[in-house]
């Protein structure tokens, strides 16, 4: 098969453009500072569920008993604590007393709570097992069910009136 002179010319031009593009990219990598070179990409590290309660110890006991997790509890100080955190698997609960010495200003949290913002959504890898673990220990609002094609959920109410909805995305497993 014979290639015409005009086709050869077009191939040479295309090859030349390709080589220039490669050289330009290499030069840009070497000589131009990338805009994000000094900064790492932002990412979300962790989420915290904030619960305001009248009784810190009762709430901690509720969560440790409900989820069979008595480790990873951190108090603000020894003795007269006004807040504590408990980590259950990958979820951190920050539990704050609504009274006390104002070490933590909870007035903005009280406004959110009084406005009805008492709902939290937590993903779980197996809500059926989770449901079986906690069903006898909590107030059930809704049993496990599909709420969308691949999304299952159930909801409970904790001892402070917070609604926790557990979700399982079966599409992304």
N, C-alpha and C. Protein backbone atom coordinates (compact mmCIF):
# COMPACT_ATOMS: atom_id res chain seq x y z
N UNK A 1 0.84 -1.17 0.00
CA UNK A 1 0.00 0.00 0.00
C UNK A 1 0.89 1.24 0.00
N UNK A 2 0.60 2.15 -0.91
CA UNK A 2 1.40 3.34 -1.08
C UNK A 2 0.70 4.51 -0.40
N UNK A 3 1.49 5.28 0.39
CA UNK A 3 0.94 6.45 1.08
C UNK A 3 1.30 7.69 0.26
N UNK A 4 0.29 8.50 0.01
CA UNK A 4 0.52 9.69 -0.81
C UNK A 4 1.35 10.72 -0.05
N UNK A 5 1.91 11.64 -0.80
CA UNK A 5 2.77 12.67 -0.21
C UNK A 5 1.96 13.57 0.73
N UNK A 6 0.73 13.86 0.37
CA UNK A 6 -0.09 14.73 1.23
C UNK A 6 -0.44 14.03 2.55
N UNK A 7 -0.66 12.72 2.50
CA UNK A 7 -0.93 11.96 3.73
C UNK A 7 0.31 11.92 4.60
N UNK A 8 1.47 11.75 3.97
CA UNK A 8 2.72 11.76 4.72
C UNK A 8 2.93 13.10 5.40
N UNK A 9 2.60 14.16 4.70
CA UNK A 9 2.73 15.51 5.26
C UNK A 9 1.83 15.71 6.47
N UNK A 10 0.58 15.23 6.36
CA UNK A 10 -0.37 15.35 7.48
C UNK A 10 0.09 14.52 8.67
N UNK A 11 0.61 13.33 8.42
CA UNK A 11 1.13 12.49 9.51
C UNK A 11 2.32 13.15 10.19
N UNK A 12 3.18 13.79 9.39
CA UNK A 12 4.34 14.48 9.97
C UNK A 12 3.90 15.65 10.83
N UNK A 13 2.91 16.39 10.37
CA UNK A 13 2.38 17.52 11.17
C UNK A 13 1.76 17.00 12.46
N UNK A 14 0.97 15.94 12.39
CA UNK A 14 0.33 15.38 13.59
C UNK A 14 1.38 14.88 14.57
N UNK A 15 2.41 14.21 14.07
CA UNK A 15 3.48 13.72 14.93
C UNK A 15 4.21 14.89 15.58
N UNK A 16 4.42 15.95 14.81
CA UNK A 16 5.08 17.14 15.35
C UNK A 16 4.26 17.78 16.47
N UNK A 17 2.97 17.90 16.26
CA UNK A 17 2.08 18.47 17.30
C UNK A 17 2.10 17.60 18.54
N UNK A 18 2.10 16.29 18.35
CA UNK A 18 2.14 15.37 19.48
C UNK A 18 3.43 15.55 20.28
N UNK A 19 4.57 15.64 19.59
CA UNK A 19 5.86 15.81 20.27
C UNK A 19 5.89 17.15 21.01
N UNK A 20 5.40 18.22 20.38
CA UNK A 20 5.37 19.53 21.04
C UNK A 20 4.49 19.47 22.29
N UNK A 21 3.36 18.79 22.23
CA UNK A 21 2.47 18.67 23.39
C UNK A 21 3.16 17.93 24.54
N UNK A 22 3.88 16.88 24.22
CA UNK A 22 4.60 16.12 25.25
C UNK A 22 5.69 16.99 25.87
N UNK A 23 6.45 17.69 25.03
CA UNK A 23 7.52 18.55 25.54
C UNK A 23 6.94 19.70 26.38
N UNK A 24 5.85 20.28 25.94
CA UNK A 24 5.21 21.36 26.70
C UNK A 24 4.74 20.86 28.06
N UNK A 25 4.16 19.70 28.12
CA UNK A 25 3.70 19.13 29.39
C UNK A 25 4.87 18.87 30.31
N UNK A 26 5.95 18.32 29.78
CA UNK A 26 7.13 18.06 30.59
C UNK A 26 7.74 19.36 31.11
N UNK A 27 7.81 20.37 30.26
CA UNK A 27 8.36 21.66 30.68
C UNK A 27 7.48 22.30 31.75
N UNK A 28 6.19 22.20 31.58
CA UNK A 28 5.27 22.77 32.57
C UNK A 28 5.45 22.09 33.93
N UNK A 29 5.64 20.79 33.93
CA UNK A 29 5.86 20.05 35.18
C UNK A 29 7.15 20.50 35.86
N UNK A 30 8.18 20.77 35.06
CA UNK A 30 9.48 21.13 35.62
C UNK A 30 9.58 22.59 36.05
N UNK A 31 9.02 23.50 35.25
CA UNK A 31 9.31 24.92 35.44
C UNK A 31 8.18 25.74 36.05
N UNK A 32 6.98 25.25 35.99
CA UNK A 32 5.87 26.02 36.53
C UNK A 32 5.43 25.42 37.84
N UNK A 33 5.15 26.29 38.82
CA UNK A 33 4.71 25.84 40.14
C UNK A 33 3.22 25.53 40.05
N UNK A 34 2.88 24.37 40.49
CA UNK A 34 1.47 24.00 40.53
C UNK A 34 0.79 24.80 41.63
N UNK A 35 -0.43 25.17 41.40
CA UNK A 35 -1.15 25.98 42.37
C UNK A 35 -1.32 25.28 43.71
N UNK A 36 -1.45 23.97 43.70
CA UNK A 36 -1.69 23.23 44.94
C UNK A 36 -0.43 22.52 45.44
N UNK A 37 0.74 22.86 44.91
CA UNK A 37 1.93 22.11 45.28
C UNK A 37 2.30 22.26 46.75
N UNK A 38 1.97 23.38 47.38
CA UNK A 38 2.33 23.59 48.78
C UNK A 38 1.21 23.19 49.74
N UNK A 39 0.10 22.78 49.22
CA UNK A 39 -1.05 22.47 50.06
C UNK A 39 -1.56 21.08 49.73
N UNK A 40 -1.98 20.37 50.76
CA UNK A 40 -2.61 19.07 50.50
C UNK A 40 -4.08 19.31 50.20
N UNK A 41 -4.67 18.39 49.49
CA UNK A 41 -6.09 18.50 49.18
C UNK A 41 -6.89 18.42 50.46
N UNK A 42 -7.91 19.26 50.59
CA UNK A 42 -8.71 19.19 51.81
C UNK A 42 -9.50 17.90 51.86
N UNK A 43 -9.70 17.40 53.06
CA UNK A 43 -10.50 16.20 53.24
C UNK A 43 -11.22 16.29 54.57
N UNK A 44 -12.27 15.57 54.69
CA UNK A 44 -13.00 15.49 55.95
C UNK A 44 -12.39 14.38 56.77
N UNK A 45 -11.98 14.69 57.99
CA UNK A 45 -11.28 13.72 58.80
C UNK A 45 -12.20 12.88 59.67
N UNK A 46 -13.17 13.51 60.27
CA UNK A 46 -14.01 12.77 61.21
C UNK A 46 -15.27 13.58 61.44
N UNK A 47 -16.32 12.90 61.82
CA UNK A 47 -17.53 13.61 62.20
C UNK A 47 -17.80 13.35 63.67
N UNK A 48 -18.46 14.29 64.30
CA UNK A 48 -18.76 14.20 65.72
C UNK A 48 -20.25 14.47 65.89
N UNK A 49 -20.89 13.62 66.65
CA UNK A 49 -22.29 13.81 66.99
C UNK A 49 -22.32 14.43 68.38
N UNK A 50 -22.89 15.63 68.48
CA UNK A 50 -22.94 16.34 69.75
C UNK A 50 -24.31 16.12 70.39
N UNK A 51 -24.28 15.62 71.62
CA UNK A 51 -25.50 15.37 72.37
C UNK A 51 -25.45 16.19 73.65
N UNK A 52 -26.47 16.99 73.89
CA UNK A 52 -26.57 17.76 75.13
C UNK A 52 -27.50 16.99 76.06
N UNK A 53 -27.06 16.82 77.30
CA UNK A 53 -27.81 16.01 78.25
C UNK A 53 -27.84 16.67 79.62
N UNK A 54 -28.77 16.28 80.44
CA UNK A 54 -28.81 16.72 81.83
C UNK A 54 -27.92 15.84 82.69
N UNK A 55 -27.75 14.56 82.28
CA UNK A 55 -27.02 13.60 83.10
C UNK A 55 -25.95 12.91 82.26
N UNK A 56 -24.72 13.36 82.41
CA UNK A 56 -23.60 12.83 81.63
C UNK A 56 -23.40 11.34 81.86
N UNK A 57 -23.32 10.93 83.10
CA UNK A 57 -23.03 9.52 83.40
C UNK A 57 -24.14 8.59 82.91
N UNK A 58 -25.37 9.02 83.05
CA UNK A 58 -26.49 8.20 82.57
C UNK A 58 -26.43 8.03 81.05
N UNK A 59 -26.09 9.10 80.34
CA UNK A 59 -25.99 9.03 78.88
C UNK A 59 -24.83 8.15 78.45
N UNK A 60 -23.69 8.29 79.11
CA UNK A 60 -22.55 7.42 78.80
C UNK A 60 -22.89 5.97 79.05
N UNK A 61 -23.55 5.69 80.15
CA UNK A 61 -23.95 4.31 80.46
C UNK A 61 -24.90 3.77 79.40
N UNK A 62 -25.85 4.61 78.96
CA UNK A 62 -26.80 4.21 77.93
C UNK A 62 -26.07 3.81 76.64
N UNK A 63 -25.15 4.64 76.18
CA UNK A 63 -24.45 4.36 74.93
C UNK A 63 -23.50 3.18 75.05
N UNK A 64 -22.82 3.04 76.18
CA UNK A 64 -21.92 1.89 76.34
C UNK A 64 -22.70 0.60 76.42
N UNK A 65 -23.82 0.61 77.11
CA UNK A 65 -24.64 -0.61 77.21
C UNK A 65 -25.36 -0.93 75.90
N UNK A 66 -25.86 0.10 75.24
CA UNK A 66 -26.61 -0.13 74.00
C UNK A 66 -25.72 -0.72 72.91
N UNK A 67 -24.52 -0.18 72.77
CA UNK A 67 -23.66 -0.61 71.67
C UNK A 67 -22.53 -1.54 72.13
N UNK A 68 -22.63 -2.04 73.37
CA UNK A 68 -21.62 -2.95 73.92
C UNK A 68 -20.20 -2.39 73.72
N UNK A 69 -20.03 -1.14 74.07
CA UNK A 69 -18.75 -0.48 73.86
C UNK A 69 -18.39 0.34 75.09
N UNK A 70 -17.59 -0.23 75.97
CA UNK A 70 -17.22 0.50 77.17
C UNK A 70 -15.80 1.02 77.12
N UNK A 71 -15.19 0.98 75.96
CA UNK A 71 -13.86 1.55 75.84
C UNK A 71 -13.94 2.87 75.08
N UNK A 72 -12.82 3.53 74.98
CA UNK A 72 -12.72 4.78 74.25
C UNK A 72 -13.59 5.89 74.81
N UNK A 73 -13.70 5.96 76.13
CA UNK A 73 -14.40 7.07 76.79
C UNK A 73 -13.33 8.03 77.31
N UNK A 74 -13.49 9.30 76.98
CA UNK A 74 -12.57 10.33 77.44
C UNK A 74 -13.37 11.41 78.15
N UNK A 75 -12.99 11.71 79.39
CA UNK A 75 -13.67 12.75 80.16
C UNK A 75 -12.91 14.06 80.03
N UNK A 76 -13.64 15.18 80.22
CA UNK A 76 -12.99 16.48 80.14
C UNK A 76 -11.98 16.65 81.26
N UNK A 77 -12.27 16.11 82.43
CA UNK A 77 -11.34 16.11 83.55
C UNK A 77 -11.77 15.01 84.50
N UNK A 78 -10.94 14.72 85.45
CA UNK A 78 -11.30 13.68 86.42
C UNK A 78 -12.28 14.24 87.43
N UNK A 79 -13.24 13.46 87.80
CA UNK A 79 -14.18 13.87 88.85
C UNK A 79 -15.39 14.60 88.33
N UNK A 80 -15.36 15.91 88.36
CA UNK A 80 -16.53 16.73 88.05
C UNK A 80 -16.57 17.09 86.57
N UNK A 81 -16.81 16.13 85.71
CA UNK A 81 -16.79 16.34 84.27
C UNK A 81 -18.07 16.97 83.78
N UNK A 82 -17.91 17.88 82.82
CA UNK A 82 -19.05 18.49 82.17
C UNK A 82 -19.25 17.96 80.76
N UNK A 83 -18.25 17.30 80.23
CA UNK A 83 -18.42 16.67 78.92
C UNK A 83 -17.48 15.48 78.82
N UNK A 84 -17.86 14.60 77.93
CA UNK A 84 -17.05 13.41 77.67
C UNK A 84 -17.29 13.01 76.23
N UNK A 85 -16.39 12.21 75.70
CA UNK A 85 -16.60 11.68 74.37
C UNK A 85 -16.48 10.17 74.44
N UNK A 86 -17.23 9.54 73.59
CA UNK A 86 -17.16 8.09 73.47
C UNK A 86 -17.08 7.77 71.98
N UNK A 87 -16.16 6.89 71.64
CA UNK A 87 -16.00 6.48 70.24
C UNK A 87 -16.52 5.06 70.11
N UNK A 88 -17.50 4.90 69.24
CA UNK A 88 -18.08 3.59 68.97
C UNK A 88 -17.80 3.29 67.50
N UNK A 89 -16.94 2.33 67.27
CA UNK A 89 -16.45 2.02 65.93
C UNK A 89 -15.83 3.29 65.34
N UNK A 90 -16.41 3.86 64.29
CA UNK A 90 -15.85 5.07 63.67
C UNK A 90 -16.68 6.32 63.96
N UNK A 91 -17.57 6.24 64.93
CA UNK A 91 -18.43 7.37 65.25
C UNK A 91 -18.06 7.92 66.62
N UNK A 92 -17.84 9.23 66.66
CA UNK A 92 -17.49 9.88 67.92
C UNK A 92 -18.70 10.66 68.41
N UNK A 93 -19.12 10.38 69.64
CA UNK A 93 -20.19 11.10 70.30
C UNK A 93 -19.56 12.03 71.33
N UNK A 94 -19.86 13.32 71.25
CA UNK A 94 -19.43 14.28 72.26
C UNK A 94 -20.66 14.58 73.10
N UNK A 95 -20.60 14.22 74.38
CA UNK A 95 -21.75 14.36 75.26
C UNK A 95 -21.45 15.50 76.23
N UNK A 96 -22.33 16.49 76.24
CA UNK A 96 -22.12 17.71 77.02
C UNK A 96 -23.29 17.90 77.97
N UNK A 97 -22.97 18.26 79.21
CA UNK A 97 -24.05 18.58 80.16
C UNK A 97 -24.57 19.98 79.87
N UNK A 98 -25.85 20.18 80.07
CA UNK A 98 -26.45 21.48 79.76
C UNK A 98 -26.29 22.48 80.90
N UNK A 99 -25.84 22.03 82.07
CA UNK A 99 -25.60 22.94 83.19
C UNK A 99 -24.13 23.03 83.45
N UNK A 100 -23.76 23.40 84.64
CA UNK A 100 -22.36 23.38 85.02
C UNK A 100 -21.73 24.74 85.07
N UNK A 101 -20.41 24.76 85.04
CA UNK A 101 -19.66 25.98 85.27
C UNK A 101 -19.41 26.79 83.99
N UNK A 102 -20.15 26.48 82.94
CA UNK A 102 -19.99 27.17 81.66
C UNK A 102 -18.61 27.00 81.05
N UNK A 103 -17.96 25.87 81.37
CA UNK A 103 -16.69 25.56 80.70
C UNK A 103 -16.94 25.48 79.19
N UNK A 104 -18.12 24.99 78.85
CA UNK A 104 -18.55 24.93 77.45
C UNK A 104 -19.84 25.72 77.36
N UNK A 105 -19.91 26.64 76.43
CA UNK A 105 -21.12 27.42 76.24
C UNK A 105 -22.07 26.61 75.37
N UNK A 106 -23.16 26.15 75.96
CA UNK A 106 -24.10 25.30 75.23
C UNK A 106 -25.34 26.05 74.78
N UNK A 107 -25.37 27.38 74.93
CA UNK A 107 -26.58 28.12 74.59
C UNK A 107 -26.96 27.96 73.12
N UNK A 108 -25.97 27.97 72.22
CA UNK A 108 -26.29 27.80 70.79
C UNK A 108 -26.79 26.39 70.51
N UNK A 109 -26.30 25.41 71.25
CA UNK A 109 -26.78 24.04 71.08
C UNK A 109 -28.21 23.90 71.58
N UNK A 110 -28.54 24.58 72.69
CA UNK A 110 -29.91 24.53 73.20
C UNK A 110 -30.89 25.11 72.19
N UNK A 111 -30.47 26.21 71.51
CA UNK A 111 -31.34 26.80 70.49
C UNK A 111 -31.59 25.81 69.36
N UNK A 112 -30.55 25.11 68.92
CA UNK A 112 -30.72 24.11 67.86
C UNK A 112 -31.65 22.99 68.32
N UNK A 113 -31.46 22.55 69.54
CA UNK A 113 -32.28 21.46 70.07
C UNK A 113 -33.74 21.90 70.20
N UNK A 114 -33.95 23.09 70.72
CA UNK A 114 -35.31 23.59 70.88
C UNK A 114 -35.99 23.82 69.53
N UNK A 115 -35.21 24.04 68.48
CA UNK A 115 -35.80 24.22 67.15
C UNK A 115 -36.13 22.88 66.49
N UNK A 116 -35.83 21.78 67.17
CA UNK A 116 -36.19 20.47 66.64
C UNK A 116 -35.04 19.73 65.99
N UNK A 117 -33.84 20.28 66.04
CA UNK A 117 -32.68 19.63 65.41
C UNK A 117 -32.13 18.56 66.35
N UNK A 118 -32.80 17.43 66.39
CA UNK A 118 -32.40 16.34 67.27
C UNK A 118 -32.26 15.04 66.49
N UNK A 119 -31.86 15.14 65.23
CA UNK A 119 -31.76 13.95 64.38
C UNK A 119 -30.35 13.80 63.85
N UNK A 120 -29.86 12.57 63.88
CA UNK A 120 -28.55 12.25 63.35
C UNK A 120 -28.67 11.01 62.47
N UNK A 121 -27.85 10.97 61.41
CA UNK A 121 -27.83 9.85 60.47
C UNK A 121 -26.44 9.22 60.51
N UNK A 122 -26.40 7.92 60.67
CA UNK A 122 -25.14 7.20 60.82
C UNK A 122 -25.15 6.00 59.87
N UNK A 123 -24.10 5.91 59.05
CA UNK A 123 -24.00 4.75 58.17
C UNK A 123 -23.43 3.56 58.93
N UNK A 124 -23.93 2.38 58.60
CA UNK A 124 -23.47 1.12 59.18
C UNK A 124 -23.31 0.11 58.06
N UNK A 125 -22.38 -0.81 58.23
CA UNK A 125 -22.16 -1.80 57.18
C UNK A 125 -23.17 -2.94 57.22
N UNK A 126 -23.88 -3.10 58.35
CA UNK A 126 -24.87 -4.17 58.45
C UNK A 126 -25.93 -3.77 59.47
N UNK A 127 -26.97 -3.11 59.00
CA UNK A 127 -27.97 -2.62 59.96
C UNK A 127 -28.81 -3.75 60.54
N UNK A 128 -28.90 -4.87 59.86
CA UNK A 128 -29.68 -5.97 60.42
C UNK A 128 -29.01 -6.52 61.69
N UNK A 129 -27.69 -6.69 61.65
CA UNK A 129 -26.96 -7.13 62.84
C UNK A 129 -27.01 -6.08 63.92
N UNK A 130 -26.87 -4.81 63.53
CA UNK A 130 -26.93 -3.72 64.50
C UNK A 130 -28.30 -3.68 65.16
N UNK A 131 -29.34 -3.83 64.37
CA UNK A 131 -30.71 -3.82 64.89
C UNK A 131 -30.89 -4.93 65.93
N UNK A 132 -30.42 -6.12 65.61
CA UNK A 132 -30.54 -7.25 66.54
C UNK A 132 -29.77 -6.99 67.83
N UNK A 133 -28.63 -6.31 67.73
CA UNK A 133 -27.82 -5.99 68.91
C UNK A 133 -28.54 -5.04 69.86
N UNK A 134 -29.25 -4.06 69.31
CA UNK A 134 -29.78 -2.98 70.16
C UNK A 134 -31.30 -2.97 70.34
N UNK A 135 -32.03 -3.79 69.61
CA UNK A 135 -33.49 -3.68 69.60
C UNK A 135 -34.14 -3.82 70.98
N UNK A 136 -33.58 -4.61 71.87
CA UNK A 136 -34.15 -4.81 73.20
C UNK A 136 -33.76 -3.70 74.17
N UNK A 137 -32.85 -2.82 73.76
CA UNK A 137 -32.29 -1.82 74.66
C UNK A 137 -32.75 -0.39 74.36
N UNK A 138 -33.47 -0.20 73.28
CA UNK A 138 -33.79 1.16 72.82
C UNK A 138 -35.26 1.29 72.48
N UNK A 139 -35.68 2.53 72.26
CA UNK A 139 -37.02 2.80 71.73
C UNK A 139 -36.90 2.78 70.21
N UNK A 140 -37.61 1.87 69.58
CA UNK A 140 -37.57 1.72 68.12
C UNK A 140 -38.59 2.69 67.51
N UNK A 141 -38.13 3.52 66.60
CA UNK A 141 -39.03 4.40 65.85
C UNK A 141 -39.48 3.71 64.57
N UNK A 142 -38.51 3.10 63.87
CA UNK A 142 -38.86 2.34 62.67
C UNK A 142 -37.91 1.16 62.54
N UNK A 143 -38.45 0.04 62.09
CA UNK A 143 -37.67 -1.18 61.91
C UNK A 143 -36.91 -1.11 60.58
N UNK A 144 -35.90 -1.98 60.40
CA UNK A 144 -35.14 -1.96 59.14
C UNK A 144 -36.05 -2.14 57.93
N UNK A 145 -35.85 -1.25 56.96
CA UNK A 145 -36.65 -1.29 55.72
C UNK A 145 -35.89 -0.55 54.63
N UNK A 146 -36.23 -0.86 53.40
CA UNK A 146 -35.67 -0.13 52.27
C UNK A 146 -36.38 1.21 52.17
N UNK A 147 -35.60 2.28 52.10
CA UNK A 147 -36.20 3.60 51.89
C UNK A 147 -35.94 4.11 50.49
N UNK A 148 -34.99 3.47 49.81
CA UNK A 148 -34.71 3.67 48.38
C UNK A 148 -34.26 2.32 47.86
N UNK A 149 -33.97 2.25 46.58
CA UNK A 149 -33.66 0.96 45.97
C UNK A 149 -32.57 0.19 46.70
N UNK A 150 -31.46 0.82 47.03
CA UNK A 150 -30.35 0.13 47.68
C UNK A 150 -30.04 0.66 49.07
N UNK A 151 -30.92 1.45 49.63
CA UNK A 151 -30.67 2.09 50.92
C UNK A 151 -31.67 1.60 51.95
N UNK A 152 -31.13 0.95 52.99
CA UNK A 152 -31.97 0.47 54.09
C UNK A 152 -31.72 1.34 55.31
N UNK A 153 -32.72 1.43 56.18
CA UNK A 153 -32.54 2.22 57.39
C UNK A 153 -33.46 1.72 58.49
N UNK A 154 -33.10 2.12 59.71
CA UNK A 154 -34.01 2.04 60.85
C UNK A 154 -33.66 3.18 61.79
N UNK A 155 -34.62 3.54 62.64
CA UNK A 155 -34.43 4.68 63.54
C UNK A 155 -34.77 4.30 64.97
N UNK A 156 -34.02 4.93 65.89
CA UNK A 156 -34.28 4.76 67.32
C UNK A 156 -34.33 6.13 67.97
N UNK A 157 -34.84 6.14 69.20
CA UNK A 157 -34.78 7.35 70.01
C UNK A 157 -33.96 7.03 71.24
N UNK A 158 -32.98 7.89 71.54
CA UNK A 158 -32.14 7.63 72.71
C UNK A 158 -32.79 8.22 73.97
N UNK A 159 -32.13 8.10 75.11
CA UNK A 159 -32.74 8.52 76.38
C UNK A 159 -32.85 10.03 76.52
N UNK A 160 -32.20 10.79 75.63
CA UNK A 160 -32.29 12.24 75.66
C UNK A 160 -33.22 12.79 74.58
N UNK A 161 -33.91 11.89 73.88
CA UNK A 161 -34.86 12.33 72.86
C UNK A 161 -34.26 12.54 71.48
N UNK A 162 -33.01 12.17 71.29
CA UNK A 162 -32.39 12.29 69.97
C UNK A 162 -32.82 11.10 69.10
N UNK A 163 -33.04 11.39 67.83
CA UNK A 163 -33.34 10.34 66.86
C UNK A 163 -32.05 9.98 66.13
N UNK A 164 -31.70 8.71 66.18
CA UNK A 164 -30.55 8.20 65.45
C UNK A 164 -31.08 7.28 64.35
N UNK A 165 -30.81 7.64 63.12
CA UNK A 165 -31.21 6.82 61.99
C UNK A 165 -29.96 6.15 61.43
N UNK A 166 -30.00 4.83 61.35
CA UNK A 166 -28.88 4.06 60.85
C UNK A 166 -29.18 3.67 59.41
N UNK A 167 -28.20 3.87 58.55
CA UNK A 167 -28.36 3.65 57.12
C UNK A 167 -27.35 2.62 56.63
N UNK A 168 -27.78 1.84 55.66
CA UNK A 168 -26.88 0.89 55.01
C UNK A 168 -27.07 1.03 53.51
N UNK A 169 -26.00 1.40 52.82
CA UNK A 169 -26.03 1.55 51.37
C UNK A 169 -25.58 0.23 50.76
N UNK A 170 -26.50 -0.56 50.28
CA UNK A 170 -26.16 -1.88 49.75
C UNK A 170 -25.58 -1.81 48.35
N UNK A 171 -25.69 -0.69 47.69
CA UNK A 171 -25.12 -0.55 46.35
C UNK A 171 -23.60 -0.44 46.40
N UNK A 172 -23.07 0.25 47.42
CA UNK A 172 -21.63 0.52 47.50
C UNK A 172 -20.89 -0.46 48.38
N UNK A 173 -21.38 -1.66 48.54
CA UNK A 173 -20.68 -2.65 49.38
C UNK A 173 -19.94 -3.63 48.53
